[in-house]
Amino acid sequence: MHALIVRNNSNPLATDASLLLAAYFSAQGIDFTTLGSGQISGDAGNREAARALPGRVDLAVVLGGDGTILHTARLLAGTQTPILGINFGRLGFLANACEEGVVAMVSRALAGELQVERRSNLRIDVVCEGERDPFDDAEDGEGAFGAPAWDGGSAGEGDEPAGEGGPDAPRTFFALNEVAITRGAMGRIIDFTLDISDNRIAHMRGDGMVVATATGSTAYALSAGGPLVAPGFTGLVTVPLAPHSLRSRAILTSDNDVVCVTLEGKDAAREATLFVDGDMLAFDQPVRRVYARRGEEPTVLLRSDAENFYTYAAEVFF
C-alpha cells in the first residue's frame, strides 16, 4: 500500500499534522509520499509531481482547505484514488473537520469506515487560433458532440500529460470545480457563442462564461448567480458572467452533453483568459474554442460523517 500526504505548507498546523501522520504510516509499515501544496499548484508543477509518484496511490490525505483538495484531485485525475480532506483552511466545503485528530480519521479511512462520495469532474479541451479542431472532423461519422474524432483519453492519461497534446490534439485539462472563460487583462468584454451538444444556445457579449460541475456550483458559479446543485448531479452547470443581456440564464445540462464556447473575432479571442479551478492557463496563441464535458472517471472523496448537503449549505451560504 502507498499513501500520499499533501499539506498546505503555509499553515504550521498542517505541517505538524503531516509529521504526525508520517510517523503513524511508518509505524504501520505503510509506504508514503509527502508533497507540499506549492509542488502541485499550476499545471507544470502538477505534472512534475505526478511523475514522481509510484504507479499506484491507495489513499491521499489532504491537510489543507478546498484549494489544496482541488489541486490533489487534478494530480490524481483518472485514478479514482480516495481523497481524504482534513480541513486546515478556511471554508473547507470539501474537507472534513478534524476534531477527532488526523490519525484517528485516517485509521477510520483505512478501515473502510468513512462515507464514499463519487463526484463528477470536467474534461476540458482547448483549441487555439491557427490549429485544426479535431472535434469538427466528421470523417468517422461523428463530430464535436458525438464520440470525438480525436480520442486522447481523459486528462492525466495516455502518452501525453494533461494540458499537452500533439499537433492535431487539443490541449486537455482536468477540473473538479470549473473552467472559466473570462475577459483578459485589457478588461474588454468578449463576444462568444454557446453550444450544447450541437445545439446553438446563444451568441453573448459579457465578461465570459463559467462551466462547472455540481461540486463547482458552490464556487465561482454560485458567485456569478448560478444555482446551488446537490453533489450527486452528474451534468454540467453553465453560468454567463455579467452578460450584456436581460435574457441570459444559467443552464443545467444532462450528464452526456458537451458544452462548447467559441470566441468570436480575433480581438475578442486575444483578450480571453482561461482559468481551471482558479489556476490561469497560458497559451502561445489566442484561444478559439473551449469544450467541456463530464470526465470519464469520477473523483472519489471520503467523508467522516453523512451531514446533509442542504444543511451544510444553509449554514455556509444563508
Protein backbone atom coordinates (compact mmCIF):
# COMPACT_ATOMS: atom_id res chain seq x y z
CA MET A 1 0.00 0.00 0.00
CA HIS A 2 1.16 3.53 -0.78
CA ALA A 3 -0.34 6.67 0.74
CA LEU A 4 0.04 10.28 -0.32
CA ILE A 5 0.16 13.18 2.14
CA VAL A 6 -0.47 16.63 0.71
CA ARG A 7 -0.09 19.51 3.15
CA ASN A 8 -0.67 23.23 2.98
CA ASN A 9 2.83 24.48 3.70
CA SER A 10 1.60 27.93 4.63
CA ASN A 11 -0.24 26.51 7.66
CA PRO A 12 2.02 25.42 10.55
CA LEU A 13 -0.75 23.23 11.97
CA ALA A 14 -0.99 21.34 8.69
CA THR A 15 2.78 20.85 8.68
CA ASP A 16 2.69 19.47 12.24
CA ALA A 17 -0.19 17.15 11.32
CA SER A 18 1.75 15.83 8.32
CA LEU A 19 4.70 14.91 10.53
CA LEU A 20 2.37 13.12 12.94
CA LEU A 21 0.73 11.27 10.07
CA ALA A 22 4.12 10.32 8.58
CA ALA A 23 5.13 8.78 11.92
CA TYR A 24 1.85 6.84 12.01
CA PHE A 25 2.31 5.46 8.48
CA SER A 26 5.88 4.45 9.28
CA ALA A 27 4.71 2.61 12.41
CA GLN A 28 2.06 0.80 10.37
CA GLY A 29 4.53 -0.21 7.66
CA ILE A 30 2.75 1.89 5.04
CA ASP A 31 4.84 3.50 2.31
CA PHE A 32 4.02 7.15 1.71
CA THR A 33 4.97 10.26 -0.21
CA THR A 34 4.66 13.79 1.19
CA LEU A 35 4.07 16.79 -1.06
CA GLY A 36 3.64 20.45 -0.25
CA SER A 37 0.75 22.37 -1.75
CA GLY A 38 3.19 24.53 -3.70
CA GLN A 39 4.53 21.49 -5.52
CA ILE A 40 1.17 20.71 -7.14
CA SER A 41 -0.10 24.22 -7.89
CA GLY A 42 -0.12 25.10 -11.56
CA ASP A 43 -0.22 22.67 -14.45
CA ALA A 44 3.55 22.29 -14.84
CA GLY A 45 4.11 21.63 -11.14
CA ASN A 46 1.24 19.18 -11.09
CA ARG A 47 2.69 17.17 -13.97
CA GLU A 48 6.13 17.08 -12.37
CA ALA A 49 4.66 15.86 -9.08
CA ALA A 50 2.64 13.19 -10.92
CA ARG A 51 5.80 11.79 -12.49
CA ALA A 52 7.38 11.46 -9.02
CA LEU A 53 4.53 9.32 -7.66
CA PRO A 54 4.53 5.50 -7.78
CA GLY A 55 2.29 3.72 -10.23
CA ARG A 56 -0.48 3.33 -7.67
CA VAL A 57 -1.63 5.50 -4.77
CA ASP A 58 -4.17 3.83 -2.50
CA LEU A 59 -5.11 6.78 -0.30
CA ALA A 60 -4.48 10.52 -0.46
CA VAL A 61 -4.72 12.56 2.74
CA VAL A 62 -5.00 16.29 2.15
CA LEU A 63 -4.15 18.57 5.07
CA GLY A 64 -5.48 21.92 3.92
CA GLY A 65 -8.53 23.60 2.51
CA ASP A 66 -10.60 23.23 -0.62
CA GLY A 67 -7.90 24.69 -2.88
CA THR A 68 -5.39 22.02 -1.85
CA ILE A 69 -8.03 19.34 -2.43
CA LEU A 70 -8.70 20.69 -5.94
CA HIS A 71 -5.01 20.51 -6.81
CA THR A 72 -4.77 16.98 -5.40
CA ALA A 73 -7.79 15.88 -7.41
CA ARG A 74 -6.08 17.13 -10.57
CA LEU A 75 -2.86 15.35 -9.60
CA LEU A 76 -4.77 12.06 -9.25
CA ALA A 77 -7.12 12.56 -12.20
CA GLY A 78 -8.36 9.32 -13.75
CA THR A 79 -7.12 7.07 -10.91
CA GLN A 80 -10.17 7.06 -8.59
CA THR A 81 -7.78 7.22 -5.64
CA PRO A 82 -9.82 8.05 -2.50
CA ILE A 83 -9.07 11.57 -1.25
CA LEU A 84 -9.50 12.29 2.45
CA GLY A 85 -9.53 16.03 3.00
CA ILE A 86 -8.92 17.29 6.55
CA ASN A 87 -9.64 20.96 6.96
CA PHE A 88 -6.73 23.23 7.74
CA GLY A 89 -8.05 26.00 5.51
CA ARG A 90 -10.93 28.46 5.69
CA LEU A 91 -14.19 27.30 4.10
CA GLY A 92 -13.49 23.58 3.94
CA PHE A 93 -16.60 22.71 1.92
CA LEU A 94 -14.87 19.62 0.52
CA ALA A 95 -12.80 18.83 3.61
CA ASN A 96 -13.64 17.17 6.92
CA ALA A 97 -13.42 18.80 10.32
CA CYS A 98 -10.59 17.34 12.39
CA GLU A 99 -11.87 17.37 15.97
CA GLU A 100 -11.04 13.67 16.41
CA GLY A 101 -7.47 14.14 15.17
CA VAL A 102 -5.80 13.23 11.90
CA VAL A 103 -4.54 9.80 12.98
CA ALA A 104 -7.97 8.69 14.21
CA MET A 105 -9.62 9.87 10.98
CA VAL A 106 -7.03 8.20 8.76
CA SER A 107 -7.41 4.99 10.77
CA ARG A 108 -11.12 5.06 10.04
CA ALA A 109 -10.38 5.61 6.35
CA LEU A 110 -8.04 2.60 6.26
CA ALA A 111 -10.70 0.50 7.98
CA GLY A 112 -13.29 1.47 5.36
CA GLU A 113 -15.50 3.27 7.88
CA LEU A 114 -15.88 6.59 6.01
CA GLN A 115 -18.56 7.57 3.57
CA VAL A 116 -17.55 7.47 -0.09
CA GLU A 117 -18.67 10.22 -2.48
CA ARG A 118 -18.07 9.96 -6.22
CA ARG A 119 -18.02 13.44 -7.69
CA SER A 120 -18.26 14.25 -11.38
CA ASN A 121 -15.40 16.28 -12.81
CA LEU A 122 -14.64 18.02 -16.09
CA ARG A 123 -12.59 17.15 -19.12
CA ILE A 124 -11.70 20.42 -20.85
CA ASP A 125 -10.30 20.58 -24.38
CA VAL A 126 -8.86 23.86 -25.68
CA VAL A 127 -8.28 24.72 -29.34
CA CYS A 128 -6.21 27.81 -30.14
CA GLU A 129 -6.10 30.07 -33.21
CA GLY A 130 -4.44 28.50 -36.23
CA GLU A 131 -4.98 24.93 -35.02
CA ARG A 132 -7.20 22.34 -36.64
CA ASP A 133 -10.18 21.49 -34.48
CA PRO A 134 -10.30 17.66 -34.32
CA PHE A 135 -13.80 17.77 -32.91
CA ASP A 136 -15.04 19.28 -36.17
CA ASP A 137 -13.59 16.38 -38.15
CA ALA A 138 -16.58 14.26 -39.21
CA GLU A 139 -14.66 11.74 -41.30
CA ASP A 140 -15.53 8.96 -38.89
CA GLY A 141 -19.20 9.92 -38.85
CA GLU A 142 -19.04 11.76 -35.56
CA GLY A 143 -18.28 15.36 -34.77
CA ALA A 144 -17.69 17.51 -31.74
CA PHE A 145 -20.77 16.41 -29.88
CA GLY A 146 -20.79 12.68 -30.51
CA ALA A 147 -17.80 10.46 -29.91
CA PRO A 148 -14.96 12.90 -30.66
CA ALA A 149 -12.89 12.36 -33.79
CA TRP A 150 -9.80 12.72 -31.61
CA ASP A 151 -9.65 10.47 -28.57
CA GLY A 152 -6.67 11.31 -26.40
CA GLY A 153 -8.12 9.84 -23.20
CA SER A 154 -9.03 11.70 -20.05
CA ALA A 155 -6.74 14.34 -18.61
CA GLY A 156 -3.79 12.68 -16.97
CA GLU A 157 -3.97 9.55 -19.11
CA GLY A 158 -2.29 8.40 -22.32
CA ASP A 159 1.09 9.20 -23.77
CA GLU A 160 0.76 12.96 -23.32
CA PRO A 161 0.38 14.58 -19.89
CA ALA A 162 -2.69 16.64 -19.12
CA GLY A 163 -2.51 20.03 -20.76
CA GLU A 164 -0.26 18.90 -23.64
CA GLY A 165 -1.01 17.37 -26.98
CA GLY A 166 0.29 16.57 -30.42
CA PRO A 167 -0.07 18.86 -33.42
CA ASP A 168 -3.67 17.77 -34.06
CA ALA A 169 -4.75 17.26 -30.45
CA PRO A 170 -6.40 19.96 -28.38
CA ARG A 171 -4.87 20.69 -25.02
CA THR A 172 -6.70 18.66 -22.39
CA PHE A 173 -7.20 19.71 -18.79
CA PHE A 174 -8.95 18.37 -15.69
CA ALA A 175 -11.12 20.31 -13.26
CA LEU A 176 -13.14 19.28 -10.25
CA ASN A 177 -14.87 22.66 -9.89
CA GLU A 178 -15.00 24.61 -13.13
CA VAL A 179 -13.48 26.19 -16.18
CA ALA A 180 -13.96 29.94 -16.51
CA ILE A 181 -13.56 31.79 -19.81
CA THR A 182 -13.22 35.45 -18.87
CA ARG A 183 -12.20 38.79 -20.31
CA GLY A 184 -8.48 39.44 -20.39
CA ALA A 185 -6.05 41.95 -18.95
CA MET A 186 -7.40 44.85 -21.04
CA GLY A 187 -10.78 44.45 -19.37
CA ARG A 188 -12.82 44.46 -22.58
CA ILE A 189 -15.98 42.41 -22.78
CA ILE A 190 -15.77 39.38 -25.04
CA ASP A 191 -18.03 38.03 -27.77
CA PHE A 192 -18.72 34.32 -27.78
CA THR A 193 -21.26 31.68 -28.72
CA LEU A 194 -22.56 28.89 -26.51
CA ASP A 195 -23.44 25.49 -27.99
CA ILE A 196 -24.60 22.44 -26.08
CA SER A 197 -24.42 19.09 -27.87
CA ASP A 198 -24.55 20.59 -31.36
CA ASN A 199 -27.37 22.98 -30.49
CA ARG A 200 -26.73 26.71 -30.72
CA ILE A 201 -27.97 28.27 -27.48
CA ALA A 202 -26.94 31.90 -27.80
CA HIS A 203 -24.50 34.49 -29.01
CA MET A 204 -23.41 36.51 -25.99
CA ARG A 205 -21.36 39.53 -25.02
CA GLY A 206 -20.12 39.94 -21.48
CA ASP A 207 -17.37 39.04 -19.05
CA GLY A 208 -17.40 35.38 -20.08
CA MET A 209 -18.78 32.01 -19.07
CA VAL A 210 -18.34 29.50 -16.25
CA VAL A 211 -18.87 25.80 -16.90
CA ALA A 212 -18.99 23.93 -13.61
CA THR A 213 -19.70 20.57 -12.06
CA ALA A 214 -22.12 20.09 -9.19
CA THR A 215 -19.10 20.39 -6.88
CA GLY A 216 -18.17 23.69 -8.55
CA SER A 217 -21.71 25.01 -8.26
CA THR A 218 -20.83 26.23 -4.77
CA ALA A 219 -17.74 28.12 -6.02
CA TYR A 220 -17.36 30.59 -8.91
CA ALA A 221 -20.68 29.59 -10.49
CA LEU A 222 -22.56 30.41 -7.28
CA SER A 223 -20.90 33.83 -7.03
CA ALA A 224 -21.95 34.51 -10.64
CA GLY A 225 -25.59 33.84 -9.79
CA GLY A 226 -25.77 30.16 -10.65
CA PRO A 227 -27.87 27.57 -8.80
CA LEU A 228 -26.81 25.55 -5.79
CA VAL A 229 -26.64 21.95 -7.07
CA ALA A 230 -26.52 18.76 -4.99
CA PRO A 231 -23.28 16.74 -5.30
CA GLY A 232 -24.99 13.75 -6.91
CA PHE A 233 -25.91 15.72 -10.05
CA THR A 234 -23.75 14.47 -12.94
CA GLY A 235 -24.49 17.09 -15.59
CA LEU A 236 -22.82 20.46 -16.08
CA VAL A 237 -23.76 23.96 -14.97
CA THR A 238 -23.27 26.83 -17.43
CA VAL A 239 -23.41 30.34 -16.00
CA PRO A 240 -22.82 33.55 -18.01
CA LEU A 241 -20.60 36.16 -16.34
CA ALA A 242 -22.14 39.65 -16.33
CA PRO A 243 -23.86 39.16 -19.71
CA HIS A 244 -24.88 42.26 -21.65
CA SER A 245 -28.42 40.95 -21.85
CA LEU A 246 -31.64 40.76 -19.86
CA ARG A 247 -32.37 37.21 -21.03
CA SER A 248 -29.30 35.16 -20.10
CA ARG A 249 -29.82 32.34 -17.61
CA ALA A 250 -27.85 29.51 -16.09
CA ILE A 251 -28.40 26.14 -17.78
CA LEU A 252 -28.13 22.65 -16.27
CA THR A 253 -27.16 20.03 -18.85
CA SER A 254 -27.56 16.27 -18.93
CA ASP A 255 -24.62 14.08 -17.98
CA ASN A 256 -23.59 13.27 -21.57
CA ASP A 257 -23.83 16.78 -23.00
CA VAL A 258 -20.81 18.62 -24.38
CA VAL A 259 -20.60 22.36 -23.81
CA CYS A 260 -18.74 24.38 -26.45
CA VAL A 261 -17.76 28.04 -26.05
CA THR A 262 -16.46 29.66 -29.25
CA LEU A 263 -14.77 33.04 -29.07
CA GLU A 264 -15.88 35.34 -31.86
CA GLY A 265 -13.45 37.63 -33.65
CA LYS A 266 -9.69 37.81 -33.33
CA ASP A 267 -9.70 40.75 -30.93
CA ALA A 268 -12.13 39.05 -28.54
CA ALA A 269 -10.17 35.80 -28.65
CA ARG A 270 -6.93 37.57 -27.84
CA GLU A 271 -8.47 39.17 -24.79
CA ALA A 272 -9.98 35.98 -23.34
CA THR A 273 -8.34 34.28 -20.36
CA LEU A 274 -8.97 30.75 -19.11
CA PHE A 275 -8.97 29.63 -15.50
CA VAL A 276 -9.24 25.97 -14.47
CA ASP A 277 -10.12 25.54 -10.79
CA GLY A 278 -8.74 29.02 -10.18
CA ASP A 279 -5.42 28.49 -11.99
CA MET A 280 -4.80 30.65 -15.06
CA LEU A 281 -3.79 28.84 -18.24
CA ALA A 282 -1.28 30.41 -20.64
CA PHE A 283 -1.09 29.64 -24.36
CA ASP A 284 1.18 30.77 -27.18
CA GLN A 285 -1.82 31.57 -29.38
CA PRO A 286 -5.23 33.10 -28.60
CA VAL A 287 -7.91 30.64 -27.51
CA ARG A 288 -10.52 29.98 -30.17
CA ARG A 289 -12.75 27.28 -28.70
CA VAL A 290 -13.25 25.50 -25.37
CA TYR A 291 -15.04 22.17 -24.98
CA ALA A 292 -16.20 20.90 -21.59
CA ARG A 293 -17.72 17.54 -20.81
CA ARG A 294 -18.04 15.20 -17.85
CA GLY A 295 -14.84 13.27 -17.15
CA GLU A 296 -14.89 9.51 -17.64
CA GLU A 297 -13.70 8.67 -14.12
CA PRO A 298 -15.21 10.34 -11.03
CA THR A 299 -13.23 11.94 -8.24
CA VAL A 300 -13.60 9.93 -5.01
CA LEU A 301 -13.88 11.87 -1.75
CA LEU A 302 -14.04 10.36 1.74
CA ARG A 303 -16.35 11.95 4.30
CA SER A 304 -16.21 11.45 8.04
CA ASP A 305 -19.94 11.92 8.51
CA ALA A 306 -23.10 11.94 6.48
CA GLU A 307 -24.07 15.55 7.15
CA ASN A 308 -26.83 16.58 4.80
CA PHE A 309 -25.64 18.74 1.91
CA TYR A 310 -28.53 21.14 2.27
CA THR A 311 -27.98 21.55 6.00
CA TYR A 312 -24.34 22.41 5.45
CA ALA A 313 -25.15 24.74 2.56
CA ALA A 314 -27.70 26.53 4.74
CA GLU A 315 -25.06 27.06 7.44
CA VAL A 316 -22.43 28.34 4.99
CA PHE A 317 -24.39 30.36 2.43
CA PHE A 318 -27.57 31.59 4.12
